Amino acid sequence: MTAEIMSNYFLILAIVCVLCGVVSSIMITAFLSKRGIKINYFLIRIYIIKYTNQYRKITEEESGKAGPLFYSSVVSYILTLIFAIVGAILKITT
């Protein structure tokens, strides 16, 4: 397999991880909204880290450990970064 094809695979994986992160973020904001926390949808891209931390704190208080959406969100964004960087490096080196 050529490096160009591999870079496309990594970039597609990055897009899939972003979509998983967005879905997790939407579910986190829905969870917080049900708990009575006001969500600023206009600036959600800026506040999503704050909302993720609030979700973690609330679920830790309720169950003793962070909820699954916290890990899903964080892991998907970390994998996005890794796949995008690897894909970009492969694309540059070809």
C-alpha atoms as a PDB file:
ATOM      1  CA  MET A   1       0.000   0.000   0.000  1.00  0.00           C
ATOM      2  CA  THR A   2       1.298   3.423  -0.835  1.00  0.00           C
ATOM      3  CA  ALA A   3       1.742   6.150   1.723  1.00  0.00           C
ATOM      4  CA  GLU A   4      -0.926   8.278   0.025  1.00  0.00           C
ATOM      5  CA  ILE A   5      -3.582   5.596   0.458  1.00  0.00           C
ATOM      6  CA  MET A   6      -2.501   5.055   4.061  1.00  0.00           C
ATOM      7  CA  SER A   7      -2.754   8.779   4.760  1.00  0.00           C
ATOM      8  CA  ASN A   8      -6.303   8.777   3.389  1.00  0.00           C
ATOM      9  CA  TYR A   9      -7.209   5.899   5.736  1.00  0.00           C
ATOM     10  CA  PHE A  10      -5.831   7.799   8.725  1.00  0.00           C
ATOM     11  CA  LEU A  11      -7.681  10.958   7.762  1.00  0.00           C
ATOM     12  CA  ILE A  12     -10.934   8.989   7.381  1.00  0.00           C
ATOM     13  CA  LEU A  13     -10.353   7.489  10.836  1.00  0.00           C
ATOM     14  CA  ALA A  14      -9.837  11.014  12.183  1.00  0.00           C
ATOM     15  CA  ILE A  15     -13.174  12.113  10.705  1.00  0.00           C
ATOM     16  CA  VAL A  16     -14.938   9.101  12.247  1.00  0.00           C
ATOM     17  CA  CYS A  17     -13.406   9.918  15.644  1.00  0.00           C
ATOM     18  CA  VAL A  18     -14.539  13.544  15.353  1.00  0.00           C
ATOM     19  CA  LEU A  19     -18.083  12.372  14.660  1.00  0.00           C
ATOM     20  CA  CYS A  20     -17.970  10.110  17.726  1.00  0.00           C
ATOM     21  CA  GLY A  21     -16.706  13.033  19.800  1.00  0.00           C
ATOM     22  CA  VAL A  22     -19.480  15.295  18.535  1.00  0.00           C
ATOM     23  CA  VAL A  23     -22.129  12.691  19.362  1.00  0.00           C
ATOM     24  CA  SER A  24     -20.631  12.262  22.846  1.00  0.00           C
ATOM     25  CA  SER A  25     -20.614  16.029  23.327  1.00  0.00           C
ATOM     26  CA  ILE A  26     -24.258  16.305  22.309  1.00  0.00           C
ATOM     27  CA  MET A  27     -25.160  13.543  24.739  1.00  0.00           C
ATOM     28  CA  ILE A  28     -23.185  15.285  27.518  1.00  0.00           C
ATOM     29  CA  THR A  29     -25.006  18.571  26.943  1.00  0.00           C
ATOM     30  CA  ALA A  30     -28.354  16.736  26.962  1.00  0.00           C
ATOM     31  CA  PHE A  31     -27.384  15.089  30.273  1.00  0.00           C
ATOM     32  CA  LEU A  32     -26.433  18.440  31.803  1.00  0.00           C
ATOM     33  CA  SER A  33     -29.571  20.079  30.470  1.00  0.00           C
ATOM     34  CA  LYS A  34     -31.709  17.451  32.218  1.00  0.00           C
ATOM     35  CA  ARG A  35     -29.852  18.250  35.451  1.00  0.00           C
ATOM     36  CA  GLY A  36     -30.825  21.921  35.160  1.00  0.00           C
ATOM     37  CA  ILE A  37     -27.520  23.338  33.954  1.00  0.00           C
ATOM     38  CA  LYS A  38     -27.907  26.094  31.385  1.00  0.00           C
ATOM     39  CA  ILE A  39     -26.192  25.297  28.088  1.00  0.00           C
ATOM     40  CA  ASN A  40     -24.949  28.130  25.881  1.00  0.00           C
ATOM     41  CA  TYR A  41     -25.563  26.622  22.437  1.00  0.00           C
ATOM     42  CA  PHE A  42     -24.242  29.715  20.676  1.00  0.00           C
ATOM     43  CA  LEU A  43     -20.766  29.243  22.201  1.00  0.00           C
ATOM     44  CA  ILE A  44     -20.832  25.467  22.623  1.00  0.00           C
ATOM     45  CA  ARG A  45     -17.565  24.978  20.751  1.00  0.00           C
ATOM     46  CA  ILE A  46     -15.795  27.092  23.361  1.00  0.00           C
ATOM     47  CA  TYR A  47     -17.614  25.725  26.411  1.00  0.00           C
ATOM     48  CA  ILE A  48     -17.610  22.010  25.559  1.00  0.00           C
ATOM     49  CA  ILE A  49     -14.519  21.416  27.717  1.00  0.00           C
ATOM     50  CA  LYS A  50     -16.285  23.093  30.653  1.00  0.00           C
ATOM     51  CA  TYR A  51     -19.402  20.986  30.055  1.00  0.00           C
ATOM     52  CA  THR A  52     -17.335  17.802  29.851  1.00  0.00           C
ATOM     53  CA  ASN A  53     -15.725  18.600  33.204  1.00  0.00           C
ATOM     54  CA  GLN A  54     -19.128  19.375  34.731  1.00  0.00           C
ATOM     55  CA  TYR A  55     -20.416  16.026  33.453  1.00  0.00           C
ATOM     56  CA  ARG A  56     -17.427  14.257  35.015  1.00  0.00           C
ATOM     57  CA  LYS A  57     -17.957  15.977  38.378  1.00  0.00           C
ATOM     58  CA  ILE A  58     -21.694  15.239  38.458  1.00  0.00           C
ATOM     59  CA  THR A  59     -21.275  11.578  37.530  1.00  0.00           C
ATOM     60  CA  GLU A  60     -18.442  11.180  40.063  1.00  0.00           C
ATOM     61  CA  GLU A  61     -20.714  12.573  42.780  1.00  0.00           C
ATOM     62  CA  GLU A  62     -23.559  10.257  41.772  1.00  0.00           C
ATOM     63  CA  SER A  63     -21.735   6.991  41.118  1.00  0.00           C
ATOM     64  CA  GLY A  64     -18.206   7.415  42.440  1.00  0.00           C
ATOM     65  CA  LYS A  65     -16.513   7.442  39.026  1.00  0.00           C
ATOM     66  CA  ALA A  66     -16.698   9.414  35.805  1.00  0.00           C
ATOM     67  CA  GLY A  67     -19.477   8.496  33.394  1.00  0.00           C
ATOM     68  CA  PRO A  68     -18.888   6.662  30.117  1.00  0.00           C
ATOM     69  CA  LEU A  69     -19.577   9.717  27.968  1.00  0.00           C
ATOM     70  CA  PHE A  70     -16.613  11.488  29.561  1.00  0.00           C
ATOM     71  CA  TYR A  71     -14.204   8.759  28.465  1.00  0.00           C
ATOM     72  CA  SER A  72     -15.875   8.437  25.078  1.00  0.00           C
ATOM     73  CA  SER A  73     -15.505  12.137  24.424  1.00  0.00           C
ATOM     74  CA  VAL A  74     -11.921  12.460  25.616  1.00  0.00           C
ATOM     75  CA  VAL A  75     -10.661   9.315  23.890  1.00  0.00           C
ATOM     76  CA  SER A  76     -12.319  10.193  20.592  1.00  0.00           C
ATOM     77  CA  TYR A  77     -10.730  13.649  20.516  1.00  0.00           C
ATOM     78  CA  ILE A  78      -7.297  12.269  21.436  1.00  0.00           C
ATOM     79  CA  LEU A  79      -7.568   9.625  18.704  1.00  0.00           C
ATOM     80  CA  THR A  80      -8.659  12.327  16.272  1.00  0.00           C
ATOM     81  CA  LEU A  81      -5.486  14.261  16.989  1.00  0.00           C
ATOM     82  CA  ILE A  82      -3.291  11.180  16.600  1.00  0.00           C
ATOM     83  CA  PHE A  83      -4.911  10.003  13.348  1.00  0.00           C
ATOM     84  CA  ALA A  84      -4.892  13.500  11.838  1.00  0.00           C
ATOM     85  CA  ILE A  85      -1.221  14.046  12.662  1.00  0.00           C
ATOM     86  CA  VAL A  86      -0.181  10.635  11.298  1.00  0.00           C
ATOM     87  CA  GLY A  87      -2.294  11.184   8.172  1.00  0.00           C
ATOM     88  CA  ALA A  88      -0.825  14.651   7.618  1.00  0.00           C
ATOM     89  CA  ILE A  89       2.737  13.385   8.074  1.00  0.00           C
ATOM     90  CA  LEU A  90       2.158  10.577   5.597  1.00  0.00           C
ATOM     91  CA  LYS A  91       0.617  12.995   3.116  1.00  0.00           C
ATOM     92  CA  ILE A  92       3.533  15.440   3.432  1.00  0.00           C
ATOM     93  CA  THR A  93       6.215  12.783   3.048  1.00  0.00           C
ATOM     94  CA  THR A  94       4.814  11.440  -0.222  1.00  0.00           C
END
